[in-house]
Amino acid sequence: MIDPTKTIACFGEVVLRLGVPHGELPLQSARFEVHVGGAEANVAVALASLGHDVTMLSAIPGGALGDGVVDRLRGHGVDTRRLLRPAGRMGLYYHLPGGPMRADDVQYDRAHTAFAALAAADWDWDRLLEGVGWLHLSGVTPALGPRSADAALEAVRRARAAGIGVSFDGNWRGRLWERWHDDPAAVLRPIVAEASLLFGNHRDASLLLGRDFSGDGAERRREAALALLDAFPKLDRIASTARRVIEPARHELRARIDTRDDQAQTRAVVITPVIDRIGTGDAFAAGILDACLAEKTLAATAQNGLSAAAIAHGLKGDFAPLSRYLLAGASPAASDVAR
């Protein structure tokens, strides 16, 4: 499915997370915890940490702050030689951790960034995709605005024309979409139509297809996956997770993969304590891609994705620098919950 001899490219904006320290309200103390992240960058770091050849396709502003971000990516083994370094600003988001009687919250500051300002024609796709065997991107990129949406569509179309496989993570960001478009599905459908692998569940299917799915649990997810596979002929498989929040620091998570002819679902694993949930879906995507590169069975691929996601829940920050040792230690354990 993925040629392991070629480079994996991740296309998207790299951002800074400014997090309120746990146990505090915003500005209760005069400090934020700063992490580098971004949906596609998170996948790039996790895959590079597992030994894969990964390049980041993004625009990071020139200057000392941008240099620090590039160093962080490079330090995790991500190839940064194809990055653009225009003038402009970094994208930011603020993470406000929850507590008793208050939920987690995220506030975005991503308008008019150096990345979002670039049009599709500003990217030298022939150079950026040279030697690439797989392209990964997410729904965050088109949600940033019309230029980023056009760039995402051009990227997947150029990739497909060059024989490059494409994975797309739904990564729904309603607060970003509401700034500029009242029909996100119309923007997302042409992008998803070029993907071979989709990370998404029944909610993503409802958005893309404009219909609800009446089943429950695994039956509903299977129904939604088959509907997506029918609507988008280039799709080969769909990977998804199902989460049950038992309490804020204790979650139950399972994973599944669907193809037209087969399906595989893991047992549920109880994850506790949940240290940091942000970026765990990206770790899941990296785990799935890692297993696809190794041509593992559907069941083993789903388990690899679940293991990567579970590990990420225990790591602070957006990045999950995984390792073979960590993945091997995250195999099904006694804490798994059979269903």
C-alpha atoms as a PDB file:
ATOM      1  CA  MET A   1       0.000   0.000   0.000  1.00  0.00           C
ATOM      2  CA  ILE A   2       2.835   2.414   0.870  1.00  0.00           C
ATOM      3  CA  ASP A   3       6.273   2.163  -0.745  1.00  0.00           C
ATOM      4  CA  PRO A   4       8.720   2.006   2.212  1.00  0.00           C
ATOM      5  CA  THR A   5      11.630   3.035  -0.023  1.00  0.00           C
ATOM      6  CA  LYS A   6      10.181   6.494  -0.638  1.00  0.00           C
ATOM      7  CA  THR A   7       9.606   9.552   1.518  1.00  0.00           C
ATOM      8  CA  ILE A   8       6.406  10.294   3.426  1.00  0.00           C
ATOM      9  CA  ALA A   9       5.407  13.954   3.108  1.00  0.00           C
ATOM     10  CA  CYS A  10       3.131  15.726   5.594  1.00  0.00           C
ATOM     11  CA  PHE A  11       1.520  18.943   4.357  1.00  0.00           C
ATOM     12  CA  GLY A  12       0.062  21.416   6.846  1.00  0.00           C
ATOM     13  CA  GLU A  13       0.661  24.346   9.152  1.00  0.00           C
ATOM     14  CA  VAL A  14       3.037  24.080  12.103  1.00  0.00           C
ATOM     15  CA  VAL A  15       1.731  26.017  15.103  1.00  0.00           C
ATOM     16  CA  LEU A  16       2.532  26.911  18.681  1.00  0.00           C
ATOM     17  CA  ARG A  17       0.339  25.797  21.563  1.00  0.00           C
ATOM     18  CA  LEU A  18       0.191  28.170  24.516  1.00  0.00           C
ATOM     19  CA  GLY A  19      -1.187  26.138  27.379  1.00  0.00           C
ATOM     20  CA  VAL A  20      -2.484  27.339  30.709  1.00  0.00           C
ATOM     21  CA  PRO A  21      -0.764  25.218  33.383  1.00  0.00           C
ATOM     22  CA  HIS A  22      -2.988  22.473  34.756  1.00  0.00           C
ATOM     23  CA  GLY A  23      -4.825  23.527  37.866  1.00  0.00           C
ATOM     24  CA  GLU A  24      -4.846  27.204  36.905  1.00  0.00           C
ATOM     25  CA  LEU A  25      -7.209  29.627  35.223  1.00  0.00           C
ATOM     26  CA  PRO A  26      -5.876  31.772  32.361  1.00  0.00           C
ATOM     27  CA  LEU A  27      -3.275  34.249  33.636  1.00  0.00           C
ATOM     28  CA  GLN A  28      -3.673  33.085  37.222  1.00  0.00           C
ATOM     29  CA  SER A  29       0.106  32.982  36.995  1.00  0.00           C
ATOM     30  CA  ALA A  30       2.040  34.939  34.413  1.00  0.00           C
ATOM     31  CA  ARG A  31       3.122  32.008  32.277  1.00  0.00           C
ATOM     32  CA  PHE A  32       2.083  29.642  29.503  1.00  0.00           C
ATOM     33  CA  GLU A  33       3.481  26.220  28.648  1.00  0.00           C
ATOM     34  CA  VAL A  34       4.639  26.362  25.013  1.00  0.00           C
ATOM     35  CA  HIS A  35       4.610  23.369  22.665  1.00  0.00           C
ATOM     36  CA  VAL A  36       5.229  23.067  18.929  1.00  0.00           C
ATOM     37  CA  GLY A  37       2.521  21.158  17.112  1.00  0.00           C
ATOM     38  CA  GLY A  38       0.070  20.945  14.260  1.00  0.00           C
ATOM     39  CA  ALA A  39      -1.914  17.938  13.037  1.00  0.00           C
ATOM     40  CA  GLU A  40       0.397  17.010  10.184  1.00  0.00           C
ATOM     41  CA  ALA A  41       3.593  17.933  12.028  1.00  0.00           C
ATOM     42  CA  ASN A  42       2.522  15.618  14.860  1.00  0.00           C
ATOM     43  CA  VAL A  43       2.228  12.735  12.407  1.00  0.00           C
ATOM     44  CA  ALA A  44       5.579  13.614  10.853  1.00  0.00           C
ATOM     45  CA  VAL A  45       7.359  13.586  14.223  1.00  0.00           C
ATOM     46  CA  ALA A  46       5.826  10.279  15.302  1.00  0.00           C
ATOM     47  CA  LEU A  47       6.713   8.561  12.019  1.00  0.00           C
ATOM     48  CA  ALA A  48      10.234   9.967  11.967  1.00  0.00           C
ATOM     49  CA  SER A  49      10.726   8.816  15.560  1.00  0.00           C
ATOM     50  CA  LEU A  50       9.836   5.311  14.386  1.00  0.00           C
ATOM     51  CA  GLY A  51      12.610   5.455  11.801  1.00  0.00           C
ATOM     52  CA  HIS A  52      10.696   6.444   8.679  1.00  0.00           C
ATOM     53  CA  ASP A  53      11.915   8.935   6.073  1.00  0.00           C
ATOM     54  CA  VAL A  54       9.564  11.881   6.589  1.00  0.00           C
ATOM     55  CA  THR A  55       9.603  15.385   5.168  1.00  0.00           C
ATOM     56  CA  MET A  56       7.498  18.335   6.312  1.00  0.00           C
ATOM     57  CA  LEU A  57       5.823  20.501   3.686  1.00  0.00           C
ATOM     58  CA  SER A  58       4.899  23.767   5.346  1.00  0.00           C
ATOM     59  CA  ALA A  59       5.615  27.475   5.584  1.00  0.00           C
ATOM     60  CA  ILE A  60       7.328  28.569   8.780  1.00  0.00           C
ATOM     61  CA  PRO A  61       8.114  32.274   9.170  1.00  0.00           C
ATOM     62  CA  GLY A  62      11.711  33.379   8.988  1.00  0.00           C
ATOM     63  CA  GLY A  63      13.397  34.718  12.108  1.00  0.00           C
ATOM     64  CA  ALA A  64      14.448  33.374  15.473  1.00  0.00           C
ATOM     65  CA  LEU A  65      11.041  31.989  16.456  1.00  0.00           C
ATOM     66  CA  GLY A  66      10.659  30.117  13.187  1.00  0.00           C
ATOM     67  CA  ASP A  67      14.245  28.856  13.484  1.00  0.00           C
ATOM     68  CA  GLY A  68      13.387  27.392  16.875  1.00  0.00           C
ATOM     69  CA  VAL A  69      10.369  25.598  15.432  1.00  0.00           C
ATOM     70  CA  VAL A  70      12.420  24.180  12.566  1.00  0.00           C
ATOM     71  CA  ASP A  71      15.027  22.974  15.061  1.00  0.00           C
ATOM     72  CA  ARG A  72      12.336  21.153  17.017  1.00  0.00           C
ATOM     73  CA  LEU A  73      11.182  19.307  13.902  1.00  0.00           C
ATOM     74  CA  ARG A  74      14.725  18.528  12.834  1.00  0.00           C
ATOM     75  CA  GLY A  75      15.553  17.302  16.322  1.00  0.00           C
ATOM     76  CA  HIS A  76      12.911  14.604  15.979  1.00  0.00           C
ATOM     77  CA  GLY A  77      14.326  13.431  12.644  1.00  0.00           C
ATOM     78  CA  VAL A  78      11.932  15.226  10.300  1.00  0.00           C
ATOM     79  CA  ASP A  79      13.463  16.466   7.022  1.00  0.00           C
ATOM     80  CA  THR A  80      12.974  20.246   6.968  1.00  0.00           C
ATOM     81  CA  ARG A  81      14.730  21.022   3.680  1.00  0.00           C
ATOM     82  CA  ARG A  82      11.467  21.526   1.774  1.00  0.00           C
ATOM     83  CA  LEU A  83      10.039  24.061   4.209  1.00  0.00           C
ATOM     84  CA  LEU A  84       9.222  27.536   2.924  1.00  0.00           C
ATOM     85  CA  ARG A  85      10.400  30.416   5.123  1.00  0.00           C
ATOM     86  CA  PRO A  86       8.308  33.462   4.139  1.00  0.00           C
ATOM     87  CA  ALA A  87       7.727  36.622   6.126  1.00  0.00           C
ATOM     88  CA  GLY A  88       4.680  36.564   8.373  1.00  0.00           C
ATOM     89  CA  ARG A  89       3.457  35.143  11.647  1.00  0.00           C
ATOM     90  CA  MET A  90       3.093  31.731  13.255  1.00  0.00           C
ATOM     91  CA  GLY A  91      -0.283  30.225  13.902  1.00  0.00           C
ATOM     92  CA  LEU A  92      -1.180  29.944  17.589  1.00  0.00           C
ATOM     93  CA  TYR A  93      -3.769  28.255  19.703  1.00  0.00           C
ATOM     94  CA  TYR A  94      -4.488  28.458  23.407  1.00  0.00           C
ATOM     95  CA  HIS A  95      -5.239  25.367  25.454  1.00  0.00           C
ATOM     96  CA  LEU A  96      -7.304  25.920  28.587  1.00  0.00           C
ATOM     97  CA  PRO A  97      -7.314  22.665  30.578  1.00  0.00           C
ATOM     98  CA  GLY A  98     -10.541  21.736  32.266  1.00  0.00           C
ATOM     99  CA  GLY A  99     -11.243  21.000  35.886  1.00  0.00           C
ATOM    100  CA  PRO A 100     -14.175  20.406  38.209  1.00  0.00           C
ATOM    101  CA  MET A 101     -17.354  21.749  36.543  1.00  0.00           C
ATOM    102  CA  ARG A 102     -15.467  23.078  33.497  1.00  0.00           C
ATOM    103  CA  ALA A 103     -14.428  21.381  30.283  1.00  0.00           C
ATOM    104  CA  ASP A 104     -11.209  21.709  28.305  1.00  0.00           C
ATOM    105  CA  ASP A 105     -11.273  24.523  25.778  1.00  0.00           C
ATOM    106  CA  VAL A 106      -9.196  25.535  22.775  1.00  0.00           C
ATOM    107  CA  GLN A 107      -9.083  29.038  21.313  1.00  0.00           C
ATOM    108  CA  TYR A 108      -7.495  29.661  17.913  1.00  0.00           C
ATOM    109  CA  ASP A 109      -5.347  32.541  16.709  1.00  0.00           C
ATOM    110  CA  ARG A 110      -4.615  31.313  13.186  1.00  0.00           C
ATOM    111  CA  ALA A 111      -5.896  34.053  10.881  1.00  0.00           C
ATOM    112  CA  HIS A 112      -3.529  35.690   8.367  1.00  0.00           C
ATOM    113  CA  THR A 113      -0.578  33.420   9.130  1.00  0.00           C
ATOM    114  CA  ALA A 114       2.380  32.902   6.808  1.00  0.00           C
ATOM    115  CA  PHE A 115       1.032  29.464   5.875  1.00  0.00           C
ATOM    116  CA  ALA A 116      -2.580  30.514   5.315  1.00  0.00           C
ATOM    117  CA  ALA A 117      -1.493  33.461   3.132  1.00  0.00           C
ATOM    118  CA  LEU A 118       0.039  31.202   0.478  1.00  0.00           C
ATOM    119  CA  ALA A 119      -2.002  30.337  -2.599  1.00  0.00           C
ATOM    120  CA  ALA A 120      -1.895  26.948  -4.304  1.00  0.00           C
ATOM    121  CA  ALA A 121       0.336  28.397  -7.032  1.00  0.00           C
ATOM    122  CA  ASP A 122       2.915  29.529  -4.456  1.00  0.00           C
ATOM    123  CA  TRP A 123       3.921  25.929  -3.772  1.00  0.00           C
ATOM    124  CA  ASP A 124       6.396  24.265  -6.155  1.00  0.00           C
ATOM    125  CA  TRP A 125       4.610  20.938  -6.164  1.00  0.00           C
ATOM    126  CA  ASP A 126       7.013  19.206  -8.575  1.00  0.00           C
ATOM    127  CA  ARG A 127       9.943  19.900  -6.260  1.00  0.00           C
ATOM    128  CA  LEU A 128       8.037  19.301  -3.033  1.00  0.00           C
ATOM    129  CA  LEU A 129       6.710  15.912  -4.146  1.00  0.00           C
ATOM    130  CA  GLU A 130       9.904  14.652  -5.767  1.00  0.00           C
ATOM    131  CA  GLY A 131      10.815  11.241  -4.356  1.00  0.00           C
ATOM    132  CA  VAL A 132       7.649  11.127  -2.238  1.00  0.00           C
ATOM    133  CA  GLY A 133       5.669   7.905  -2.056  1.00  0.00           C
ATOM    134  CA  TRP A 134       2.924   9.017   0.325  1.00  0.00           C
ATOM    135  CA  LEU A 135       1.262  12.329   1.213  1.00  0.00           C
ATOM    136  CA  HIS A 136      -0.576  12.930   4.478  1.00  0.00           C
ATOM    137  CA  LEU A 137      -2.734  15.926   5.329  1.00  0.00           C
ATOM    138  CA  SER A 138      -5.779  16.721   7.430  1.00  0.00           C
ATOM    139  CA  GLY A 139      -8.999  18.685   7.540  1.00  0.00           C
ATOM    140  CA  VAL A 140      -7.316  21.409   9.568  1.00  0.00           C
ATOM    141  CA  THR A 141      -5.555  22.719   6.449  1.00  0.00           C
ATOM    142  CA  PRO A 142      -8.649  23.451   4.333  1.00  0.00           C
ATOM    143  CA  ALA A 143     -10.406  24.816   7.423  1.00  0.00           C
ATOM    144  CA  LEU A 144      -7.868  27.652   7.642  1.00  0.00           C
ATOM    145  CA  GLY A 145      -9.307  29.554   4.693  1.00  0.00           C
ATOM    146  CA  PRO A 146      -9.813  29.566   0.922  1.00  0.00           C
ATOM    147  CA  ARG A 147      -6.132  29.701   0.002  1.00  0.00           C
ATOM    148  CA  SER A 148      -5.224  26.777   2.228  1.00  0.00           C
ATOM    149  CA  ALA A 149      -8.252  24.848   0.979  1.00  0.00           C
ATOM    150  CA  ASP A 150      -7.169  25.367  -2.628  1.00  0.00           C
ATOM    151  CA  ALA A 151      -3.605  24.353  -1.735  1.00  0.00           C
ATOM    152  CA  ALA A 152      -4.801  21.161  -0.047  1.00  0.00           C
ATOM    153  CA  LEU A 153      -6.861  20.201  -3.094  1.00  0.00           C
ATOM    154  CA  GLU A 154      -3.980  20.956  -5.455  1.00  0.00           C
ATOM    155  CA  ALA A 155      -1.611  18.920  -3.281  1.00  0.00           C
ATOM    156  CA  VAL A 156      -3.746  15.775  -3.370  1.00  0.00           C
ATOM    157  CA  ARG A 157      -4.468  16.099  -7.076  1.00  0.00           C
ATOM    158  CA  ARG A 158      -0.789  16.571  -7.901  1.00  0.00           C
ATOM    159  CA  ALA A 159       0.088  13.637  -5.669  1.00  0.00           C
ATOM    160  CA  ARG A 160      -2.423  11.350  -7.311  1.00  0.00           C
ATOM    161  CA  ALA A 161      -1.291  12.377 -10.784  1.00  0.00           C
ATOM    162  CA  ALA A 162       2.276  11.446  -9.764  1.00  0.00           C
ATOM    163  CA  GLY A 163       1.207   8.030  -8.459  1.00  0.00           C
ATOM    164  CA  ILE A 164       1.594   9.055  -4.818  1.00  0.00           C
ATOM    165  CA  GLY A 165      -0.768   7.606  -2.231  1.00  0.00           C
ATOM    166  CA  VAL A 166      -2.792   9.997  -0.083  1.00  0.00           C
ATOM    167  CA  SER A 167      -4.108   9.797   3.464  1.00  0.00           C
ATOM    168  CA  PHE A 168      -6.513  12.355   4.884  1.00  0.00           C
ATOM    169  CA  ASP A 169      -7.520  12.824   8.515  1.00  0.00           C
ATOM    170  CA  GLY A 170     -10.930  14.459   8.946  1.00  0.00           C
ATOM    171  CA  ASN A 171      -9.812  16.467  12.007  1.00  0.00           C
ATOM    172  CA  TRP A 172     -13.011  18.508  12.183  1.00  0.00           C
ATOM    173  CA  ARG A 173     -12.430  22.062  13.441  1.00  0.00           C
ATOM    174  CA  GLY A 174     -15.797  23.804  13.511  1.00  0.00           C
ATOM    175  CA  ARG A 175     -14.467  27.044  14.978  1.00  0.00           C
ATOM    176  CA  LEU A 176     -12.084  27.444  12.056  1.00  0.00           C
ATOM    177  CA  TRP A 177     -14.695  26.647   9.425  1.00  0.00           C
ATOM    178  CA  GLU A 178     -17.286  29.045  10.794  1.00  0.00           C
ATOM    179  CA  ARG A 179     -14.939  31.966  10.124  1.00  0.00           C
ATOM    180  CA  TRP A 180     -15.191  31.650   6.363  1.00  0.00           C
ATOM    181  CA  HIS A 181     -17.426  28.873   4.998  1.00  0.00           C
ATOM    182  CA  ASP A 182     -20.964  27.688   5.715  1.00  0.00           C
ATOM    183  CA  ASP A 183     -20.689  24.412   3.747  1.00  0.00           C
ATOM    184  CA  PRO A 184     -17.412  22.669   4.691  1.00  0.00           C
ATOM    185  CA  ALA A 185     -18.504  19.398   3.093  1.00  0.00           C
ATOM    186  CA  ALA A 186     -18.433  21.024  -0.334  1.00  0.00           C
ATOM    187  CA  VAL A 187     -14.760  21.890   0.227  1.00  0.00           C
ATOM    188  CA  LEU A 188     -13.808  18.571   1.796  1.00  0.00           C
ATOM    189  CA  ARG A 189     -15.446  16.153  -0.658  1.00  0.00           C
ATOM    190  CA  PRO A 190     -13.068  16.819  -3.598  1.00  0.00           C
ATOM    191  CA  ILE A 191     -10.075  16.378  -1.270  1.00  0.00           C
ATOM    192  CA  VAL A 192     -11.374  13.134   0.248  1.00  0.00           C
ATOM    193  CA  ALA A 193     -12.113  11.901  -3.278  1.00  0.00           C
ATOM    194  CA  GLU A 194      -8.355  11.708  -3.927  1.00  0.00           C
ATOM    195  CA  ALA A 195      -7.477   9.813  -0.738  1.00  0.00           C
ATOM    196  CA  SER A 196      -6.580   6.141  -0.442  1.00  0.00           C
ATOM    197  CA  LEU A 197      -6.825   6.097   3.357  1.00  0.00           C
ATOM    198  CA  LEU A 198      -9.268   8.148   5.422  1.00  0.00           C
ATOM    199  CA  PHE A 199      -9.076   8.673   9.156  1.00  0.00           C
ATOM    200  CA  GLY A 200     -12.664   9.342  10.181  1.00  0.00           C
ATOM    201  CA  ASN A 201     -15.701   7.961  11.958  1.00  0.00           C
ATOM    202  CA  HIS A 202     -19.463   8.015  11.464  1.00  0.00           C
ATOM    203  CA  ARG A 203     -19.577  11.733  12.301  1.00  0.00           C
ATOM    204  CA  ASP A 204     -17.180  12.489   9.464  1.00  0.00           C
ATOM    205  CA  ALA A 205     -19.284  10.308   7.195  1.00  0.00           C
ATOM    206  CA  SER A 206     -22.438  12.207   8.184  1.00  0.00           C
ATOM    207  CA  LEU A 207     -20.753  15.516   7.365  1.00  0.00           C
ATOM    208  CA  LEU A 208     -19.387  14.370   4.012  1.00  0.00           C
ATOM    209  CA  LEU A 209     -22.440  12.440   2.860  1.00  0.00           C
ATOM    210  CA  GLY A 210     -25.216  14.547   4.366  1.00  0.00           C
ATOM    211  CA  ARG A 211     -26.960  11.648   6.089  1.00  0.00           C
ATOM    212  CA  ASP A 212     -27.218  10.047   9.504  1.00  0.00           C
ATOM    213  CA  PHE A 213     -26.397   6.463  10.390  1.00  0.00           C
ATOM    214  CA  SER A 214     -28.964   4.716  12.520  1.00  0.00           C
ATOM    215  CA  GLY A 215     -26.993   1.833  13.955  1.00  0.00           C
ATOM    216  CA  ASP A 216     -24.997   1.825  17.160  1.00  0.00           C
ATOM    217  CA  GLY A 217     -21.439   0.945  18.091  1.00  0.00           C
ATOM    218  CA  ALA A 218     -19.526  -1.208  15.632  1.00  0.00           C
ATOM    219  CA  GLU A 219     -22.576  -1.655  13.381  1.00  0.00           C
ATOM    220  CA  ARG A 220     -22.962   2.087  12.894  1.00  0.00           C
ATOM    221  CA  ARG A 221     -19.263   2.540  12.215  1.00  0.00           C
ATOM    222  CA  ARG A 222     -19.299  -0.281   9.669  1.00  0.00           C
ATOM    223  CA  GLU A 223     -22.363   1.172   7.946  1.00  0.00           C
ATOM    224  CA  ALA A 224     -20.722   4.598   7.779  1.00  0.00           C
ATOM    225  CA  ALA A 225     -17.446   3.168   6.476  1.00  0.00           C
ATOM    226  CA  LEU A 226     -19.171   1.243   3.700  1.00  0.00           C
ATOM    227  CA  ALA A 227     -21.095   4.353   2.709  1.00  0.00           C
ATOM    228  CA  LEU A 228     -17.844   6.315   2.461  1.00  0.00           C
ATOM    229  CA  LEU A 229     -16.116   3.575   0.481  1.00  0.00           C
ATOM    230  CA  ASP A 230     -19.051   3.519  -1.912  1.00  0.00           C
ATOM    231  CA  ALA A 231     -19.115   7.310  -2.306  1.00  0.00           C
ATOM    232  CA  PHE A 232     -15.350   7.681  -2.823  1.00  0.00           C
ATOM    233  CA  PRO A 233     -14.064   4.909  -5.141  1.00  0.00           C
ATOM    234  CA  LYS A 234     -10.357   5.741  -4.606  1.00  0.00           C
ATOM    235  CA  LEU A 235     -10.631   4.993  -0.883  1.00  0.00           C
ATOM    236  CA  ASP A 236      -9.152   1.609   0.082  1.00  0.00           C
ATOM    237  CA  ARG A 237      -9.539   1.692   3.842  1.00  0.00           C
ATOM    238  CA  ILE A 238     -10.923   3.775   6.681  1.00  0.00           C
ATOM    239  CA  ALA A 239      -9.367   3.902  10.138  1.00  0.00           C
ATOM    240  CA  SER A 240     -11.172   5.226  13.191  1.00  0.00           C
ATOM    241  CA  THR A 241     -11.279   5.236  16.956  1.00  0.00           C
ATOM    242  CA  ALA A 242     -14.147   5.186  19.435  1.00  0.00           C
ATOM    243  CA  ARG A 243     -13.686   6.897  22.788  1.00  0.00           C
ATOM    244  CA  ARG A 244     -15.631   6.680  26.049  1.00  0.00           C
ATOM    245  CA  VAL A 245     -14.732   9.226  28.688  1.00  0.00           C
ATOM    246  CA  ILE A 246     -15.149   7.455  32.012  1.00  0.00           C
ATOM    247  CA  GLU A 247     -13.809  10.468  33.920  1.00  0.00           C
ATOM    248  CA  PRO A 248     -11.457  13.299  32.897  1.00  0.00           C
ATOM    249  CA  ALA A 249      -8.271  11.333  33.527  1.00  0.00           C
ATOM    250  CA  ARG A 250      -9.651   7.902  32.605  1.00  0.00           C
ATOM    251  CA  HIS A 251     -10.740   7.093  29.049  1.00  0.00           C
ATOM    252  CA  GLU A 252     -11.616   3.936  27.179  1.00  0.00           C
ATOM    253  CA  LEU A 253     -10.425   3.721  23.574  1.00  0.00           C
ATOM    254  CA  ARG A 254     -10.729   1.200  20.775  1.00  0.00           C
ATOM    255  CA  ALA A 255      -9.718   1.277  17.101  1.00  0.00           C
ATOM    256  CA  ARG A 256     -10.962  -0.251  13.886  1.00  0.00           C
ATOM    257  CA  ILE A 257     -10.193  -0.457  10.189  1.00  0.00           C
ATOM    258  CA  ASP A 258     -12.711  -1.029   7.436  1.00  0.00           C
ATOM    259  CA  THR A 259     -12.229  -2.062   3.829  1.00  0.00           C
ATOM    260  CA  ARG A 260     -14.883  -3.005   1.312  1.00  0.00           C
ATOM    261  CA  ASP A 261     -14.451  -6.695   2.024  1.00  0.00           C
ATOM    262  CA  ASP A 262     -13.138  -6.870   5.553  1.00  0.00           C
ATOM    263  CA  GLN A 263     -12.995  -5.187   8.934  1.00  0.00           C
ATOM    264  CA  ALA A 264     -10.997  -5.403  12.146  1.00  0.00           C
ATOM    265  CA  GLN A 265     -11.691  -3.924  15.563  1.00  0.00           C
ATOM    266  CA  THR A 266      -9.468  -3.976  18.637  1.00  0.00           C
ATOM    267  CA  ARG A 267     -10.514  -4.624  22.170  1.00  0.00           C
ATOM    268  CA  ALA A 268     -10.979  -1.466  24.190  1.00  0.00           C
ATOM    269  CA  VAL A 269      -8.113  -0.319  26.351  1.00  0.00           C
ATOM    270  CA  VAL A 270      -8.544   1.772  29.484  1.00  0.00           C
ATOM    271  CA  ILE A 271      -6.108   4.691  29.446  1.00  0.00           C
ATOM    272  CA  THR A 272      -5.274   6.211  32.812  1.00  0.00           C
ATOM    273  CA  PRO A 273      -4.058   8.670  33.763  1.00  0.00           C
ATOM    274  CA  VAL A 274      -4.749  10.848  30.738  1.00  0.00           C
ATOM    275  CA  ILE A 275      -1.939  13.401  30.878  1.00  0.00           C
ATOM    276  CA  ASP A 276      -2.571  15.212  27.587  1.00  0.00           C
ATOM    277  CA  ARG A 277      -5.196  14.282  25.008  1.00  0.00           C
ATOM    278  CA  ILE A 278      -4.103  16.762  22.318  1.00  0.00           C
ATOM    279  CA  GLY A 279      -2.334  15.080  19.410  1.00  0.00           C
ATOM    280  CA  THR A 280      -3.456  11.566  20.288  1.00  0.00           C
ATOM    281  CA  GLY A 281      -5.457  11.243  17.084  1.00  0.00           C
ATOM    282  CA  ASP A 282      -2.360  12.192  15.122  1.00  0.00           C
ATOM    283  CA  ALA A 283      -0.379   9.523  16.978  1.00  0.00           C
ATOM    284  CA  PHE A 284      -3.102   7.058  15.968  1.00  0.00           C
ATOM    285  CA  ALA A 285      -2.705   8.093  12.325  1.00  0.00           C
ATOM    286  CA  ALA A 286       1.056   7.627  12.569  1.00  0.00           C
ATOM    287  CA  GLY A 287       0.614   4.186  14.095  1.00  0.00           C
ATOM    288  CA  ILE A 288      -1.693   3.150  11.272  1.00  0.00           C
ATOM    289  CA  LEU A 289       0.684   4.444   8.589  1.00  0.00           C
ATOM    290  CA  ASP A 290       3.610   2.732  10.307  1.00  0.00           C
ATOM    291  CA  ALA A 291       1.773  -0.595  10.179  1.00  0.00           C
ATOM    292  CA  CYS A 292       0.753  -0.053   6.555  1.00  0.00           C
ATOM    293  CA  LEU A 293       4.407   0.432   5.658  1.00  0.00           C
ATOM    294  CA  ALA A 294       5.147  -2.925   7.290  1.00  0.00           C
ATOM    295  CA  GLU A 295       2.190  -4.511   5.445  1.00  0.00           C
ATOM    296  CA  LYS A 296       0.662  -5.801   8.663  1.00  0.00           C
ATOM    297  CA  THR A 297      -2.738  -7.467   8.787  1.00  0.00           C
ATOM    298  CA  LEU A 298      -5.804  -5.308   9.363  1.00  0.00           C
ATOM    299  CA  ALA A 299      -6.051  -6.472  12.965  1.00  0.00           C
ATOM    300  CA  ALA A 300      -2.371  -5.764  13.654  1.00  0.00           C
ATOM    301  CA  THR A 301      -2.627  -2.395  11.921  1.00  0.00           C
ATOM    302  CA  ALA A 302      -5.591  -1.345  14.058  1.00  0.00           C
ATOM    303  CA  GLN A 303      -3.751  -2.468  17.196  1.00  0.00           C
ATOM    304  CA  ASN A 304      -0.613  -0.559  16.193  1.00  0.00           C
ATOM    305  CA  GLY A 305      -2.654   2.607  15.788  1.00  0.00           C
ATOM    306  CA  LEU A 306      -4.366   2.090  19.131  1.00  0.00           C
ATOM    307  CA  SER A 307      -1.041   1.480  20.885  1.00  0.00           C
ATOM    308  CA  ALA A 308       0.433   4.687  19.454  1.00  0.00           C
ATOM    309  CA  ALA A 309      -2.619   6.693  20.512  1.00  0.00           C
ATOM    310  CA  ALA A 310      -2.591   5.204  24.010  1.00  0.00           C
ATOM    311  CA  ILE A 311       1.077   6.106  24.491  1.00  0.00           C
ATOM    312  CA  ALA A 312       0.438   9.694  23.369  1.00  0.00           C
ATOM    313  CA  HIS A 313      -2.175  10.165  26.104  1.00  0.00           C
ATOM    314  CA  GLY A 314       0.627   9.911  28.653  1.00  0.00           C
ATOM    315  CA  LEU A 315       2.947  12.457  27.015  1.00  0.00           C
ATOM    316  CA  LYS A 316       2.826  16.221  27.462  1.00  0.00           C
ATOM    317  CA  GLY A 317       2.770  18.285  24.305  1.00  0.00           C
ATOM    318  CA  ASP A 318       1.439  17.829  20.797  1.00  0.00           C
ATOM    319  CA  PHE A 319       4.334  15.654  19.610  1.00  0.00           C
ATOM    320  CA  ALA A 320       4.509  11.946  20.426  1.00  0.00           C
ATOM    321  CA  PRO A 321       8.107  10.814  19.839  1.00  0.00           C
ATOM    322  CA  LEU A 322       7.332   7.115  19.645  1.00  0.00           C
ATOM    323  CA  SER A 323       9.754   4.196  19.546  1.00  0.00           C
ATOM    324  CA  ARG A 324       9.621   0.507  18.747  1.00  0.00           C
ATOM    325  CA  TYR A 325      10.250  -0.195  22.412  1.00  0.00           C
ATOM    326  CA  LEU A 326       7.238   1.851  23.471  1.00  0.00           C
ATOM    327  CA  LEU A 327       4.964   0.315  20.842  1.00  0.00           C
ATOM    328  CA  ALA A 328       6.032  -3.196  21.811  1.00  0.00           C
ATOM    329  CA  GLY A 329       5.231  -2.428  25.435  1.00  0.00           C
ATOM    330  CA  ALA A 330       1.781  -1.112  24.565  1.00  0.00           C
ATOM    331  CA  SER A 331       0.425  -4.398  23.255  1.00  0.00           C
ATOM    332  CA  PRO A 332      -2.924  -5.617  24.666  1.00  0.00           C
ATOM    333  CA  ALA A 333      -2.636  -5.910  28.439  1.00  0.00           C
ATOM    334  CA  ALA A 334      -4.667  -7.047  31.386  1.00  0.00           C
ATOM    335  CA  SER A 335      -6.314  -3.636  31.568  1.00  0.00           C
ATOM    336  CA  ASP A 336      -7.939  -4.193  28.174  1.00  0.00           C
ATOM    337  CA  VAL A 337     -11.701  -4.409  28.306  1.00  0.00           C
ATOM    338  CA  ALA A 338     -13.194  -7.140  26.153  1.00  0.00           C
ATOM    339  CA  ARG A 339     -16.411  -6.424  24.288  1.00  0.00           C
END
